[in-house]
Amino acid sequence: MQTDSPKIIAYLKPHCGWSKGVRAVLGKYGLEYEDRDIWNDPMQRLEMIQKSGQELSPCVEINGTMLADVSGDEVEAWMVENGVVSRSDSPAGVPTNAPCDDHGPVAQPIQLRQL
C-alpha cells in the first residue's frame, strides 16, 4: 500500500458513473479523501474549475497535483505510476470507467388530485 497517507480532494457528482468509479478506486485502496459535491454545491464546482482550469469532472487533487476530467482507471494508473499505491488486482466493486448521466436523477411525475 502507500507509505504516507496522501492528501486527496475529489471533486465529484453524486450520481455520475465516472465519479462512482473514482470513489470505488479510492475505496479499493483504503484511501481517505474529501468528497466535494460539485453538483449541489456551486462553490465546490467553482473551486474545481479554478484549480483545474476546466469544467469537466471528475477532478482529483492528490498531494497538490490536479488530475482533471479523469476516470477511476486513470486515477488508479496515476497513483501506481507515482508511488502513491502499489497496484492491487482486487475488484473495485463498480465500473471504474462508466459515463455520467449529466441530467442527474430523473424526477418522478406527480399527480394532483382535486379535493
Protein backbone atom coordinates (compact mmCIF):
# COMPACT_ATOMS: atom_id res chain seq x y z
CA MET A 1 0.00 0.00 0.00
CA GLN A 2 1.13 3.59 0.48
CA THR A 3 3.80 4.69 2.94
CA ASP A 4 2.26 8.07 3.85
CA SER A 5 -1.40 8.99 3.65
CA PRO A 6 -1.84 11.20 0.60
CA LYS A 7 -3.97 14.35 0.78
CA ILE A 8 -6.80 13.76 -1.68
CA ILE A 9 -9.59 16.12 -2.67
CA ALA A 10 -12.09 14.62 -5.14
CA TYR A 11 -14.47 16.95 -6.99
CA LEU A 12 -17.36 14.62 -7.83
CA LYS A 13 -21.03 14.40 -8.71
CA PRO A 14 -23.27 12.24 -6.52
CA HIS A 15 -24.85 10.33 -9.43
CA CYS A 16 -22.07 10.18 -12.03
CA GLY A 17 -20.65 6.88 -13.27
CA TRP A 18 -17.13 8.29 -13.53
CA SER A 19 -17.44 9.81 -10.04
CA LYS A 20 -18.60 6.46 -8.67
CA GLY A 21 -15.58 4.84 -10.34
CA VAL A 22 -13.21 7.33 -8.69
CA ARG A 23 -14.83 6.69 -5.29
CA ALA A 24 -14.55 2.93 -5.84
CA VAL A 25 -10.84 3.11 -6.71
CA LEU A 26 -10.05 5.29 -3.71
CA GLY A 27 -12.05 2.89 -1.54
CA LYS A 28 -10.31 -0.14 -3.06
CA TYR A 29 -7.02 1.22 -1.74
CA GLY A 30 -8.50 2.31 1.59
CA LEU A 31 -7.60 5.95 0.96
CA GLU A 32 -9.23 8.76 2.89
CA TYR A 33 -10.32 11.71 0.79
CA GLU A 34 -12.50 14.79 0.79
CA ASP A 35 -15.56 14.17 -1.40
CA ARG A 36 -16.56 17.58 -2.74
CA ASP A 37 -20.05 17.63 -4.28
CA ILE A 38 -19.85 19.84 -7.38
CA TRP A 39 -23.46 19.12 -8.35
CA ASN A 40 -25.19 20.51 -5.26
CA ASP A 41 -22.55 23.00 -4.11
CA PRO A 42 -21.69 25.69 -6.69
CA MET A 43 -18.74 26.90 -4.60
CA GLN A 44 -17.10 23.47 -4.86
CA ARG A 45 -17.65 23.48 -8.62
CA LEU A 46 -16.11 26.96 -8.88
CA GLU A 47 -13.10 25.85 -6.83
CA MET A 48 -12.67 22.80 -9.10
CA ILE A 49 -12.76 25.00 -12.23
CA GLN A 50 -10.28 27.47 -10.75
CA LYS A 51 -7.86 24.72 -9.71
CA SER A 52 -8.17 22.54 -12.83
CA GLY A 53 -8.61 25.24 -15.45
CA GLN A 54 -11.60 23.46 -17.00
CA GLU A 55 -15.23 22.49 -16.26
CA LEU A 56 -15.27 18.72 -16.80
CA SER A 57 -15.38 16.29 -13.91
CA PRO A 58 -14.33 14.27 -12.04
CA CYS A 59 -11.22 16.10 -10.94
CA VAL A 60 -9.00 14.65 -8.24
CA GLU A 61 -6.22 16.52 -6.47
CA ILE A 62 -3.61 14.22 -4.94
CA ASN A 63 -0.84 15.82 -2.86
CA GLY A 64 -1.28 19.07 -4.79
CA THR A 65 -1.36 17.52 -8.29
CA MET A 66 -4.65 18.04 -10.12
CA LEU A 67 -5.92 15.21 -12.31
CA ALA A 68 -8.59 16.81 -14.47
CA ASP A 69 -11.51 15.04 -16.14
CA VAL A 70 -10.44 11.54 -15.10
CA SER A 71 -11.94 8.10 -14.68
CA GLY A 72 -11.27 5.75 -11.80
CA ASP A 73 -8.93 3.80 -14.11
CA GLU A 74 -6.89 6.92 -14.80
CA VAL A 75 -6.70 7.85 -11.11
CA GLU A 76 -5.53 4.33 -10.25
CA ALA A 77 -2.92 4.34 -13.03
CA TRP A 78 -1.58 7.73 -11.92
CA MET A 79 -1.38 6.65 -8.27
CA VAL A 80 0.50 3.46 -9.19
CA GLU A 81 2.90 5.28 -11.55
CA ASN A 82 3.63 7.93 -8.92
CA GLY A 83 4.11 5.55 -5.99
CA VAL A 84 1.03 6.62 -4.08
CA VAL A 85 -0.17 2.98 -4.00
CA SER A 86 1.06 -0.43 -5.10
CA ARG A 87 -1.15 -1.99 -7.76
CA SER A 88 -3.93 -4.20 -6.42
CA ASP A 89 -5.86 -6.68 -8.56
CA SER A 90 -8.81 -6.57 -6.14
CA PRO A 91 -12.07 -5.61 -7.85
CA ALA A 92 -13.33 -2.07 -7.29
CA GLY A 93 -16.93 -3.25 -6.98
CA VAL A 94 -18.35 -0.91 -9.64
CA PRO A 95 -17.32 0.02 -13.18
CA THR A 96 -14.41 2.46 -12.93
CA ASN A 97 -14.78 3.98 -16.39
CA ALA A 98 -18.54 4.48 -16.88
CA PRO A 99 -20.04 7.70 -18.26
CA CYS A 100 -22.01 10.25 -16.30
CA ASP A 101 -25.67 10.95 -16.69
CA ASP A 102 -25.40 14.73 -16.69
CA HIS A 103 -29.10 15.09 -16.13
CA GLY A 104 -28.95 13.58 -12.65
CA PRO A 105 -31.67 11.53 -11.09
CA VAL A 106 -34.89 11.53 -13.10
CA ALA A 107 -37.72 13.38 -11.43
CA GLN A 108 -40.86 11.37 -10.99
CA PRO A 109 -44.07 12.97 -12.25
CA ILE A 110 -46.55 13.91 -9.59
CA GLN A 111 -50.27 13.50 -9.87
CA LEU A 112 -52.54 16.11 -8.42
CA ARG A 113 -55.99 15.27 -7.34
CA GLN A 114 -58.86 17.56 -6.64
CA LEU A 115 -60.09 17.72 -3.07
